[in-house]
Amino acid sequence: MAIALRNRTRLAAGVPSVLFLTGCSIDGAPAIELFGAYFPAWLIAALVGVFAAILARVGLAMSGLDEVVPWLLAVCSSIGLIVAIAVSAIMFG
């Protein structure tokens, strides 16, 4: 009896929360047309972020700071993530 009541409570709490889950707007997902095909906007921003992380790694290596900076992978990944989010916010609002 208690298990059935607990399942009903979960169901009663879960069904209304699904109503607040929304996908893209009616206009569709933001996409960019490249070479006749549509690419999702987040993919372009992610690629820019990857290139920014690579450039950050090369820049740190050339300046000699890679020996000094702790957690180099986390630092370069964070730089790439920040650039990707900035590009996404600037280009696609």
PDB file of N, CA and C in Angstrom:
ATOM      1  N   MET A   1       0.832  -1.190   0.000  1.00  0.00           N
ATOM      2  CA  MET A   1       0.000   0.000   0.000  1.00  0.00           C
ATOM      3  C   MET A   1       0.875   1.251   0.000  1.00  0.00           C
ATOM      4  N   ALA A   2       1.928   1.250   0.837  1.00  0.00           N
ATOM      5  CA  ALA A   2       2.784   2.431   0.928  1.00  0.00           C
ATOM      6  C   ALA A   2       3.579   2.638  -0.357  1.00  0.00           C
ATOM      7  N   ILE A   3       3.954   1.531  -1.003  1.00  0.00           N
ATOM      8  CA  ILE A   3       4.718   1.646  -2.244  1.00  0.00           C
ATOM      9  C   ILE A   3       3.835   2.241  -3.340  1.00  0.00           C
ATOM     10  N   ALA A   4       2.604   1.813  -3.450  1.00  0.00           N
ATOM     11  CA  ALA A   4       1.697   2.335  -4.464  1.00  0.00           C
ATOM     12  C   ALA A   4       1.422   3.820  -4.227  1.00  0.00           C
ATOM     13  N   LEU A   5       1.297   4.223  -2.972  1.00  0.00           N
ATOM     14  CA  LEU A   5       1.060   5.625  -2.657  1.00  0.00           C
ATOM     15  C   LEU A   5       2.286   6.469  -2.999  1.00  0.00           C
ATOM     16  N   ARG A   6       3.470   5.932  -2.748  1.00  0.00           N
ATOM     17  CA  ARG A   6       4.706   6.640  -3.072  1.00  0.00           C
ATOM     18  C   ARG A   6       4.844   6.808  -4.589  1.00  0.00           C
ATOM     19  N   ASN A   7       4.489   5.773  -5.353  1.00  0.00           N
ATOM     20  CA  ASN A   7       4.556   5.865  -6.813  1.00  0.00           C
ATOM     21  C   ASN A   7       3.565   6.884  -7.350  1.00  0.00           C
ATOM     22  N   ARG A   8       2.374   6.941  -6.771  1.00  0.00           N
ATOM     23  CA  ARG A   8       1.392   7.941  -7.194  1.00  0.00           C
ATOM     24  C   ARG A   8       1.867   9.348  -6.873  1.00  0.00           C
ATOM     25  N   THR A   9       2.534   9.511  -5.749  1.00  0.00           N
ATOM     26  CA  THR A   9       3.049  10.825  -5.376  1.00  0.00           C
ATOM     27  C   THR A   9       4.130  11.268  -6.354  1.00  0.00           C
ATOM     28  N   ARG A  10       5.003  10.362  -6.723  1.00  0.00           N
ATOM     29  CA  ARG A  10       6.038  10.686  -7.708  1.00  0.00           C
ATOM     30  C   ARG A  10       5.418  11.031  -9.052  1.00  0.00           C
ATOM     31  N   LEU A  11       4.412  10.281  -9.455  1.00  0.00           N
ATOM     32  CA  LEU A  11       3.746  10.536 -10.717  1.00  0.00           C
ATOM     33  C   LEU A  11       3.044  11.891 -10.684  1.00  0.00           C
ATOM     34  N   ALA A  12       2.380  12.195  -9.573  1.00  0.00           N
ATOM     35  CA  ALA A  12       1.681  13.468  -9.453  1.00  0.00           C
ATOM     36  C   ALA A  12       2.658  14.639  -9.453  1.00  0.00           C
ATOM     37  N   ALA A  13       3.854  14.444  -8.940  1.00  0.00           N
ATOM     38  CA  ALA A  13       4.858  15.511  -8.953  1.00  0.00           C
ATOM     39  C   ALA A  13       5.579  15.587 -10.287  1.00  0.00           C
ATOM     40  N   GLY A  14       5.708  14.474 -10.972  1.00  0.00           N
ATOM     41  CA  GLY A  14       6.473  14.441 -12.217  1.00  0.00           C
ATOM     42  C   GLY A  14       5.714  14.925 -13.431  1.00  0.00           C
ATOM     43  N   VAL A  15       4.427  14.659 -13.495  1.00  0.00           N
ATOM     44  CA  VAL A  15       3.647  15.040 -14.674  1.00  0.00           C
ATOM     45  C   VAL A  15       3.600  16.562 -14.857  1.00  0.00           C
ATOM     46  N   PRO A  16       3.303  17.359 -13.853  1.00  0.00           N
ATOM     47  CA  PRO A  16       3.307  18.816 -14.081  1.00  0.00           C
ATOM     48  C   PRO A  16       4.687  19.380 -14.427  1.00  0.00           C
ATOM     49  N   SER A  17       5.745  18.761 -13.926  1.00  0.00           N
ATOM     50  CA  SER A  17       7.081  19.281 -14.236  1.00  0.00           C
ATOM     51  C   SER A  17       7.426  19.086 -15.700  1.00  0.00           C
ATOM     52  N   VAL A  18       6.838  18.092 -16.365  1.00  0.00           N
ATOM     53  CA  VAL A  18       7.090  17.871 -17.783  1.00  0.00           C
ATOM     54  C   VAL A  18       6.528  19.022 -18.615  1.00  0.00           C
ATOM     55  N   LEU A  19       5.497  19.669 -18.123  1.00  0.00           N
ATOM     56  CA  LEU A  19       4.898  20.769 -18.858  1.00  0.00           C
ATOM     57  C   LEU A  19       5.845  21.951 -18.987  1.00  0.00           C
ATOM     58  N   PHE A  20       6.804  22.088 -18.066  1.00  0.00           N
ATOM     59  CA  PHE A  20       7.740  23.192 -18.102  1.00  0.00           C
ATOM     60  C   PHE A  20       8.977  22.897 -18.935  1.00  0.00           C
ATOM     61  N   LEU A  21       9.126  21.673 -19.400  1.00  0.00           N
ATOM     62  CA  LEU A  21      10.248  21.329 -20.259  1.00  0.00           C
ATOM     63  C   LEU A  21       9.921  21.772 -21.678  1.00  0.00           C
ATOM     64  N   THR A  22      10.732  22.661 -22.201  1.00  0.00           N
ATOM     65  CA  THR A  22      10.479  23.144 -23.551  1.00  0.00           C
ATOM     66  C   THR A  22      11.728  22.961 -24.379  1.00  0.00           C
ATOM     67  N   GLY A  23      11.545  22.791 -25.619  1.00  0.00           N
ATOM     68  CA  GLY A  23      12.658  22.678 -26.550  1.00  0.00           C
ATOM     69  C   GLY A  23      12.908  24.022 -27.192  1.00  0.00           C
ATOM     70  N   CYS A  24      13.162  24.005 -28.460  1.00  0.00           N
ATOM     71  CA  CYS A  24      13.405  25.245 -29.184  1.00  0.00           C
ATOM     72  C   CYS A  24      12.081  25.942 -29.442  1.00  0.00           C
ATOM     73  N   SER A  25      12.169  27.190 -29.785  1.00  0.00           N
ATOM     74  CA  SER A  25      10.970  27.957 -30.062  1.00  0.00           C
ATOM     75  C   SER A  25      10.314  27.451 -31.347  1.00  0.00           C
ATOM     76  N   ILE A  26       9.200  28.032 -31.674  1.00  0.00           N
ATOM     77  CA  ILE A  26       8.474  27.611 -32.866  1.00  0.00           C
ATOM     78  C   ILE A  26       9.299  27.893 -34.119  1.00  0.00           C
ATOM     79  N   ASP A  27      10.140  28.920 -34.067  1.00  0.00           N
ATOM     80  CA  ASP A  27      10.965  29.273 -35.221  1.00  0.00           C
ATOM     81  C   ASP A  27      12.010  28.213 -35.527  1.00  0.00           C
ATOM     82  N   GLY A  28      12.328  27.373 -34.586  1.00  0.00           N
ATOM     83  CA  GLY A  28      13.314  26.328 -34.791  1.00  0.00           C
ATOM     84  C   GLY A  28      14.616  26.647 -34.088  1.00  0.00           C
ATOM     85  N   ALA A  29      15.517  25.710 -34.130  1.00  0.00           N
ATOM     86  CA  ALA A  29      16.814  25.868 -33.480  1.00  0.00           C
ATOM     87  C   ALA A  29      17.680  26.821 -34.295  1.00  0.00           C
ATOM     88  N   PRO A  30      18.547  27.590 -33.610  1.00  0.00           N
ATOM     89  CA  PRO A  30      19.447  28.457 -34.374  1.00  0.00           C
ATOM     90  C   PRO A  30      20.424  27.616 -35.189  1.00  0.00           C
ATOM     91  N   ALA A  31      20.480  27.914 -36.472  1.00  0.00           N
ATOM     92  CA  ALA A  31      21.345  27.146 -37.364  1.00  0.00           C
ATOM     93  C   ALA A  31      22.031  28.102 -38.331  1.00  0.00           C
ATOM     94  N   ILE A  32      23.170  27.676 -38.822  1.00  0.00           N
ATOM     95  CA  ILE A  32      23.949  28.443 -39.779  1.00  0.00           C
ATOM     96  C   ILE A  32      24.083  27.613 -41.039  1.00  0.00           C
ATOM     97  N   GLU A  33      23.875  28.253 -42.179  1.00  0.00           N
ATOM     98  CA  GLU A  33      24.001  27.524 -43.435  1.00  0.00           C
ATOM     99  C   GLU A  33      25.438  27.637 -43.930  1.00  0.00           C
ATOM    100  N   LEU A  34      26.093  26.493 -44.049  1.00  0.00           N
ATOM    101  CA  LEU A  34      27.452  26.423 -44.580  1.00  0.00           C
ATOM    102  C   LEU A  34      27.498  25.378 -45.675  1.00  0.00           C
ATOM    103  N   PHE A  35      27.943  25.775 -46.843  1.00  0.00           N
ATOM    104  CA  PHE A  35      28.095  24.862 -47.975  1.00  0.00           C
ATOM    105  C   PHE A  35      26.802  24.128 -48.306  1.00  0.00           C
ATOM    106  N   GLY A  36      25.685  24.800 -48.153  1.00  0.00           N
ATOM    107  CA  GLY A  36      24.396  24.227 -48.504  1.00  0.00           C
ATOM    108  C   GLY A  36      23.770  23.341 -47.447  1.00  0.00           C
ATOM    109  N   ALA A  37      24.419  23.196 -46.304  1.00  0.00           N
ATOM    110  CA  ALA A  37      23.862  22.368 -45.226  1.00  0.00           C
ATOM    111  C   ALA A  37      23.707  23.235 -43.978  1.00  0.00           C
ATOM    112  N   TYR A  38      22.744  22.897 -43.149  1.00  0.00           N
ATOM    113  CA  TYR A  38      22.506  23.648 -41.925  1.00  0.00           C
ATOM    114  C   TYR A  38      23.235  22.983 -40.762  1.00  0.00           C
ATOM    115  N   PHE A  39      24.022  23.775 -40.059  1.00  0.00           N
ATOM    116  CA  PHE A  39      24.749  23.300 -38.889  1.00  0.00           C
ATOM    117  C   PHE A  39      24.185  23.983 -37.657  1.00  0.00           C
ATOM    118  N   PRO A  40      24.065  23.263 -36.542  1.00  0.00           N
ATOM    119  CA  PRO A  40      23.573  23.906 -35.327  1.00  0.00           C
ATOM    120  C   PRO A  40      24.564  24.965 -34.838  1.00  0.00           C
ATOM    121  N   ALA A  41      24.022  26.034 -34.290  1.00  0.00           N
ATOM    122  CA  ALA A  41      24.847  27.161 -33.859  1.00  0.00           C
ATOM    123  C   ALA A  41      25.812  26.759 -32.747  1.00  0.00           C
ATOM    124  N   TRP A  42      25.394  25.852 -31.870  1.00  0.00           N
ATOM    125  CA  TRP A  42      26.270  25.464 -30.766  1.00  0.00           C
ATOM    126  C   TRP A  42      27.508  24.729 -31.287  1.00  0.00           C
ATOM    127  N   LEU A  43      27.384  24.068 -32.428  1.00  0.00           N
ATOM    128  CA  LEU A  43      28.520  23.348 -32.987  1.00  0.00           C
ATOM    129  C   LEU A  43      29.598  24.319 -33.461  1.00  0.00           C
ATOM    130  N   ILE A  44      29.179  25.406 -34.058  1.00  0.00           N
ATOM    131  CA  ILE A  44      30.134  26.422 -34.493  1.00  0.00           C
ATOM    132  C   ILE A  44      30.820  27.045 -33.284  1.00  0.00           C
ATOM    133  N   ALA A  45      30.039  27.370 -32.254  1.00  0.00           N
ATOM    134  CA  ALA A  45      30.618  27.960 -31.041  1.00  0.00           C
ATOM    135  C   ALA A  45      31.581  26.978 -30.368  1.00  0.00           C
ATOM    136  N   ALA A  46      31.248  25.696 -30.382  1.00  0.00           N
ATOM    137  CA  ALA A  46      32.130  24.697 -29.776  1.00  0.00           C
ATOM    138  C   ALA A  46      33.447  24.581 -30.532  1.00  0.00           C
ATOM    139  N   LEU A  47      33.382  24.628 -31.855  1.00  0.00           N
ATOM    140  CA  LEU A  47      34.613  24.563 -32.650  1.00  0.00           C
ATOM    141  C   LEU A  47      35.501  25.774 -32.404  1.00  0.00           C
ATOM    142  N   VAL A  48      34.894  26.947 -32.280  1.00  0.00           N
ATOM    143  CA  VAL A  48      35.672  28.155 -31.963  1.00  0.00           C
ATOM    144  C   VAL A  48      36.314  28.003 -30.586  1.00  0.00           C
ATOM    145  N   GLY A  49      35.591  27.423 -29.634  1.00  0.00           N
ATOM    146  CA  GLY A  49      36.134  27.197 -28.299  1.00  0.00           C
ATOM    147  C   GLY A  49      37.301  26.218 -28.299  1.00  0.00           C
ATOM    148  N   VAL A  50      37.208  25.181 -29.111  1.00  0.00           N
ATOM    149  CA  VAL A  50      38.307  24.209 -29.211  1.00  0.00           C
ATOM    150  C   VAL A  50      39.547  24.887 -29.777  1.00  0.00           C
ATOM    151  N   PHE A  51      39.367  25.687 -30.822  1.00  0.00           N
ATOM    152  CA  PHE A  51      40.512  26.406 -31.399  1.00  0.00           C
ATOM    153  C   PHE A  51      41.096  27.402 -30.398  1.00  0.00           C
ATOM    154  N   ALA A  52      40.239  28.035 -29.595  1.00  0.00           N
ATOM    155  CA  ALA A  52      40.737  28.965 -28.575  1.00  0.00           C
ATOM    156  C   ALA A  52      41.551  28.230 -27.520  1.00  0.00           C
ATOM    157  N   ALA A  53      41.112  27.030 -27.134  1.00  0.00           N
ATOM    158  CA  ALA A  53      41.866  26.250 -26.157  1.00  0.00           C
ATOM    159  C   ALA A  53      43.217  25.820 -26.725  1.00  0.00           C
ATOM    160  N   ILE A  54      43.232  25.459 -28.002  1.00  0.00           N
ATOM    161  CA  ILE A  54      44.502  25.089 -28.637  1.00  0.00           C
ATOM    162  C   ILE A  54      45.433  26.288 -28.704  1.00  0.00           C
ATOM    163  N   LEU A  55      44.900  27.443 -29.076  1.00  0.00           N
ATOM    164  CA  LEU A  55      45.716  28.655 -29.122  1.00  0.00           C
ATOM    165  C   LEU A  55      46.221  29.048 -27.738  1.00  0.00           C
ATOM    166  N   ALA A  56      45.404  28.846 -26.720  1.00  0.00           N
ATOM    167  CA  ALA A  56      45.838  29.144 -25.353  1.00  0.00           C
ATOM    168  C   ALA A  56      46.991  28.229 -24.951  1.00  0.00           C
ATOM    169  N   ARG A  57      46.900  26.967 -25.312  1.00  0.00           N
ATOM    170  CA  ARG A  57      47.976  26.016 -24.992  1.00  0.00           C
ATOM    171  C   ARG A  57      49.265  26.386 -25.712  1.00  0.00           C
ATOM    172  N   VAL A  58      49.156  26.731 -26.982  1.00  0.00           N
ATOM    173  CA  VAL A  58      50.336  27.120 -27.751  1.00  0.00           C
ATOM    174  C   VAL A  58      50.930  28.406 -27.193  1.00  0.00           C
ATOM    175  N   GLY A  59      50.059  29.360 -26.845  1.00  0.00           N
ATOM    176  CA  GLY A  59      50.545  30.611 -26.283  1.00  0.00           C
ATOM    177  C   GLY A  59      51.234  30.425 -24.945  1.00  0.00           C
ATOM    178  N   LEU A  60      50.685  29.569 -24.111  1.00  0.00           N
ATOM    179  CA  LEU A  60      51.318  29.295 -22.813  1.00  0.00           C
ATOM    180  C   LEU A  60      52.645  28.567 -23.002  1.00  0.00           C
ATOM    181  N   ALA A  61      52.706  27.680 -23.972  1.00  0.00           N
ATOM    182  CA  ALA A  61      53.952  26.946 -24.216  1.00  0.00           C
ATOM    183  C   ALA A  61      55.038  27.869 -24.767  1.00  0.00           C
ATOM    184  N   MET A  62      54.645  28.767 -25.672  1.00  0.00           N
ATOM    185  CA  MET A  62      55.626  29.672 -26.260  1.00  0.00           C
ATOM    186  C   MET A  62      56.156  30.693 -25.256  1.00  0.00           C
ATOM    187  N   SER A  63      55.311  31.086 -24.300  1.00  0.00           N
ATOM    188  CA  SER A  63      55.749  32.064 -23.305  1.00  0.00           C
ATOM    189  C   SER A  63      56.456  31.410 -22.123  1.00  0.00           C
ATOM    190  N   GLY A  64      56.410  30.099 -22.040  1.00  0.00           N
ATOM    191  CA  GLY A  64      57.053  29.391 -20.947  1.00  0.00           C
ATOM    192  C   GLY A  64      56.199  29.283 -19.698  1.00  0.00           C
ATOM    193  N   LEU A  65      54.974  29.758 -19.766  1.00  0.00           N
ATOM    194  CA  LEU A  65      54.090  29.705 -18.601  1.00  0.00           C
ATOM    195  C   LEU A  65      53.511  28.313 -18.353  1.00  0.00           C
ATOM    196  N   ASP A  66      53.630  27.423 -19.318  1.00  0.00           N
ATOM    197  CA  ASP A  66      53.097  26.081 -19.105  1.00  0.00           C
ATOM    198  C   ASP A  66      53.834  25.342 -17.999  1.00  0.00           C
ATOM    199  N   GLU A  67      55.051  25.750 -17.713  1.00  0.00           N
ATOM    200  CA  GLU A  67      55.811  25.151 -16.608  1.00  0.00           C
ATOM    201  C   GLU A  67      55.316  25.669 -15.261  1.00  0.00           C
ATOM    202  N   VAL A  68      54.720  26.850 -15.259  1.00  0.00           N
ATOM    203  CA  VAL A  68      54.338  27.520 -14.009  1.00  0.00           C
ATOM    204  C   VAL A  68      52.866  27.299 -13.665  1.00  0.00           C
ATOM    205  N   VAL A  69      52.018  27.275 -14.686  1.00  0.00           N
ATOM    206  CA  VAL A  69      50.574  27.193 -14.473  1.00  0.00           C
ATOM    207  C   VAL A  69      50.199  25.788 -14.014  1.00  0.00           C
ATOM    208  N   PRO A  70      49.569  25.678 -12.841  1.00  0.00           N
ATOM    209  CA  PRO A  70      49.105  24.351 -12.415  1.00  0.00           C
ATOM    210  C   PRO A  70      47.802  23.995 -13.144  1.00  0.00           C
ATOM    211  N   TRP A  71      47.533  22.731 -13.262  1.00  0.00           N
ATOM    212  CA  TRP A  71      46.300  22.238 -13.865  1.00  0.00           C
ATOM    213  C   TRP A  71      46.137  22.814 -15.277  1.00  0.00           C
ATOM    214  N   LEU A  72      47.127  22.639 -16.087  1.00  0.00           N
ATOM    215  CA  LEU A  72      47.166  23.246 -17.414  1.00  0.00           C
ATOM    216  C   LEU A  72      45.984  22.810 -18.284  1.00  0.00           C
ATOM    217  N   LEU A  73      45.608  21.546 -18.200  1.00  0.00           N
ATOM    218  CA  LEU A  73      44.474  21.063 -18.991  1.00  0.00           C
ATOM    219  C   LEU A  73      43.185  21.772 -18.570  1.00  0.00           C
ATOM    220  N   ALA A  74      42.986  21.935 -17.275  1.00  0.00           N
ATOM    221  CA  ALA A  74      41.784  22.616 -16.795  1.00  0.00           C
ATOM    222  C   ALA A  74      41.786  24.087 -17.192  1.00  0.00           C
ATOM    223  N   VAL A  75      42.946  24.720 -17.166  1.00  0.00           N
ATOM    224  CA  VAL A  75      43.043  26.136 -17.535  1.00  0.00           C
ATOM    225  C   VAL A  75      42.732  26.313 -19.016  1.00  0.00           C
ATOM    226  N   CYS A  76      43.332  25.509 -19.863  1.00  0.00           N
ATOM    227  CA  CYS A  76      43.089  25.623 -21.308  1.00  0.00           C
ATOM    228  C   CYS A  76      41.644  25.257 -21.653  1.00  0.00           C
ATOM    229  N   SER A  77      41.103  24.257 -20.997  1.00  0.00           N
ATOM    230  CA  SER A  77      39.706  23.890 -21.230  1.00  0.00           C
ATOM    231  C   SER A  77      38.767  25.002 -20.789  1.00  0.00           C
ATOM    232  N   SER A  78      39.080  25.640 -19.684  1.00  0.00           N
ATOM    233  CA  SER A  78      38.257  26.745 -19.199  1.00  0.00           C
ATOM    234  C   SER A  78      38.305  27.929 -20.152  1.00  0.00           C
ATOM    235  N   ILE A  79      39.467  28.219 -20.685  1.00  0.00           N
ATOM    236  CA  ILE A  79      39.583  29.301 -21.664  1.00  0.00           C
ATOM    237  C   ILE A  79      38.739  28.981 -22.896  1.00  0.00           C
ATOM    238  N   GLY A  80      38.812  27.750 -23.365  1.00  0.00           N
ATOM    239  CA  GLY A  80      37.999  27.348 -24.511  1.00  0.00           C
ATOM    240  C   GLY A  80      36.510  27.439 -24.226  1.00  0.00           C
ATOM    241  N   LEU A  81      36.093  27.036 -23.036  1.00  0.00           N
ATOM    242  CA  LEU A  81      34.681  27.106 -22.662  1.00  0.00           C
ATOM    243  C   LEU A  81      34.200  28.549 -22.571  1.00  0.00           C
ATOM    244  N   ILE A  82      35.009  29.410 -21.977  1.00  0.00           N
ATOM    245  CA  ILE A  82      34.637  30.819 -21.861  1.00  0.00           C
ATOM    246  C   ILE A  82      34.494  31.450 -23.243  1.00  0.00           C
ATOM    247  N   VAL A  83      35.416  31.152 -24.134  1.00  0.00           N
ATOM    248  CA  VAL A  83      35.340  31.702 -25.492  1.00  0.00           C
ATOM    249  C   VAL A  83      34.121  31.151 -26.226  1.00  0.00           C
ATOM    250  N   ALA A  84      33.834  29.875 -26.075  1.00  0.00           N
ATOM    251  CA  ALA A  84      32.679  29.276 -26.749  1.00  0.00           C
ATOM    252  C   ALA A  84      31.376  29.897 -26.254  1.00  0.00           C
ATOM    253  N   ILE A  85      31.252  30.099 -24.963  1.00  0.00           N
ATOM    254  CA  ILE A  85      30.041  30.721 -24.416  1.00  0.00           C
ATOM    255  C   ILE A  85      29.929  32.170 -24.880  1.00  0.00           C
ATOM    256  N   ALA A  86      31.050  32.886 -24.902  1.00  0.00           N
ATOM    257  CA  ALA A  86      31.033  34.270 -25.358  1.00  0.00           C
ATOM    258  C   ALA A  86      30.634  34.364 -26.829  1.00  0.00           C
ATOM    259  N   VAL A  87      31.184  33.491 -27.664  1.00  0.00           N
ATOM    260  CA  VAL A  87      30.845  33.494 -29.084  1.00  0.00           C
ATOM    261  C   VAL A  87      29.361  33.172 -29.275  1.00  0.00           C
ATOM    262  N   SER A  88      28.872  32.206 -28.536  1.00  0.00           N
ATOM    263  CA  SER A  88      27.465  31.846 -28.637  1.00  0.00           C
ATOM    264  C   SER A  88      26.563  32.994 -28.196  1.00  0.00           C
ATOM    265  N   ALA A  89      26.945  33.670 -27.123  1.00  0.00           N
ATOM    266  CA  ALA A  89      26.128  34.784 -26.627  1.00  0.00           C
ATOM    267  C   ALA A  89      26.172  35.976 -27.575  1.00  0.00           C
ATOM    268  N   ILE A  90      27.331  36.252 -28.137  1.00  0.00           N
ATOM    269  CA  ILE A  90      27.468  37.408 -29.026  1.00  0.00           C
ATOM    270  C   ILE A  90      26.770  37.160 -30.372  1.00  0.00           C
ATOM    271  N   MET A  91      27.002  35.998 -30.939  1.00  0.00           N
ATOM    272  CA  MET A  91      26.476  35.725 -32.277  1.00  0.00           C
ATOM    273  C   MET A  91      24.985  35.367 -32.290  1.00  0.00           C
ATOM    274  N   PHE A  92      24.531  34.660 -31.264  1.00  0.00           N
ATOM    275  CA  PHE A  92      23.182  34.106 -31.334  1.00  0.00           C
ATOM    276  C   PHE A  92      22.272  34.605 -30.220  1.00  0.00           C
ATOM    277  N   GLY A  93      22.750  35.515 -29.415  1.00  0.00           N
ATOM    278  CA  GLY A  93      21.922  36.106 -28.361  1.00  0.00           C
ATOM    279  C   GLY A  93      21.641  35.135 -27.296  1.00  0.00           C
TER     280      GLY A  93
END
